[in-house]
Amino acid sequence: MSAPSSISAAPPFPDMTEPLRLDLKGLNCPLPVLKTGKALHALAPGGVLIVEATDPMAAIDIPHFCRQKGHRLVGEEKDGSVLRFTIAKS
């Protein structure tokens, strides 16, 4: 009989050491979500993208895009007028 295995938390981004960053500040709808989609398309599955945008519609559009395309929205935060999204590609 083998000893029970321990469960440890996996690192949040196991496939990449450095996430790709996308600065979309100053762009208005629909450009932030379109450029996010294009950047995610170029990433390998498991890759991580950090998006920064100032368009208030991005708070709705980017999470919706992630749900529709099956990507994982790892984090979402607001720093003043800047919205920051951390997305793991499915």
Protein backbone atom coordinates (compact mmCIF):
# COMPACT_ATOMS: atom_id res chain seq x y z
CA MET A 1 0.00 0.00 0.00
CA SER A 2 1.45 3.35 -0.97
CA ALA A 3 1.48 6.44 1.21
CA PRO A 4 -1.21 9.03 0.46
CA SER A 5 -0.02 11.69 -1.91
CA SER A 6 -0.03 15.27 -0.75
CA ILE A 7 -1.88 17.90 -2.72
CA SER A 8 -0.04 21.13 -3.32
CA ALA A 9 -1.24 24.24 -5.03
CA ALA A 10 0.06 24.59 -8.56
CA PRO A 11 1.70 27.87 -9.51
CA PRO A 12 -0.85 30.22 -11.09
CA PHE A 13 0.95 30.28 -14.45
CA PRO A 14 2.82 26.98 -14.84
CA ASP A 15 3.52 27.30 -18.57
CA MET A 16 5.14 30.72 -18.58
CA THR A 17 7.64 32.49 -16.40
CA GLU A 18 6.65 35.94 -17.62
CA PRO A 19 3.12 36.85 -18.77
CA LEU A 20 2.62 38.85 -21.95
CA ARG A 21 1.52 42.44 -21.23
CA LEU A 22 -0.84 44.40 -23.46
CA ASP A 23 -1.25 48.18 -22.91
CA LEU A 24 -4.59 49.26 -24.38
CA LYS A 25 -5.00 52.43 -22.35
CA GLY A 26 -6.70 55.18 -24.35
CA LEU A 27 -8.40 52.82 -26.82
CA ASN A 28 -12.19 52.72 -27.00
CA CYS A 29 -14.67 49.92 -27.69
CA PRO A 30 -14.37 47.62 -29.58
CA LEU A 31 -10.57 47.88 -29.87
CA PRO A 32 -9.62 46.58 -26.39
CA VAL A 33 -11.51 43.31 -26.80
CA LEU A 34 -10.41 42.89 -30.44
CA LYS A 35 -6.74 43.41 -29.59
CA THR A 36 -7.07 41.12 -26.57
CA GLY A 37 -8.45 38.39 -28.83
CA LYS A 38 -5.62 38.84 -31.32
CA ALA A 39 -2.98 38.66 -28.56
CA LEU A 40 -4.56 35.53 -27.05
CA HIS A 41 -4.67 33.89 -30.48
CA ALA A 42 -0.87 34.26 -30.69
CA LEU A 43 -0.30 32.66 -27.26
CA ALA A 44 0.14 28.95 -26.66
CA PRO A 45 -2.51 27.24 -24.50
CA GLY A 46 -1.79 27.98 -20.85
CA GLY A 47 -0.09 31.25 -21.75
CA VAL A 48 -0.97 34.30 -19.67
CA LEU A 49 -1.92 37.76 -20.89
CA ILE A 50 -2.18 40.87 -18.71
CA VAL A 51 -4.35 43.54 -20.31
CA GLU A 52 -4.56 47.15 -19.15
CA ALA A 53 -7.37 49.32 -20.52
CA THR A 54 -9.11 52.57 -19.63
CA ASP A 55 -12.34 52.11 -21.60
CA PRO A 56 -15.11 51.46 -19.03
CA MET A 57 -16.78 49.03 -21.47
CA ALA A 58 -13.75 46.74 -21.18
CA ALA A 59 -15.02 45.82 -17.69
CA ILE A 60 -17.96 44.13 -19.43
CA ASP A 61 -16.47 43.16 -22.80
CA ILE A 62 -13.28 41.38 -21.74
CA PRO A 63 -14.84 39.08 -19.10
CA HIS A 64 -17.66 38.30 -21.54
CA PHE A 65 -15.12 37.52 -24.28
CA CYS A 66 -13.26 35.16 -21.92
CA ARG A 67 -16.46 33.30 -21.04
CA GLN A 68 -17.48 33.01 -24.69
CA LYS A 69 -14.07 31.75 -25.87
CA GLY A 70 -13.34 29.54 -22.87
CA HIS A 71 -10.34 31.46 -21.55
CA ARG A 72 -9.86 31.74 -17.79
CA LEU A 73 -10.10 35.21 -16.27
CA VAL A 74 -7.55 34.77 -13.48
CA GLY A 75 -7.74 38.29 -12.09
CA GLU A 76 -9.53 41.57 -12.55
CA GLU A 77 -8.70 44.80 -10.75
CA LYS A 78 -9.13 48.54 -11.03
CA ASP A 79 -6.41 51.07 -10.27
CA GLY A 80 -7.90 54.54 -10.70
CA SER A 81 -9.14 54.63 -14.28
CA VAL A 82 -7.04 51.64 -15.35
CA LEU A 83 -8.71 48.24 -15.59
CA ARG A 84 -6.30 45.29 -15.38
CA PHE A 85 -7.25 41.77 -16.50
CA THR A 86 -5.13 38.65 -16.14
CA ILE A 87 -6.20 35.98 -18.61
CA ALA A 88 -4.97 32.40 -19.05
CA LYS A 89 -5.47 31.08 -22.57
CA SER A 90 -7.46 27.85 -22.81
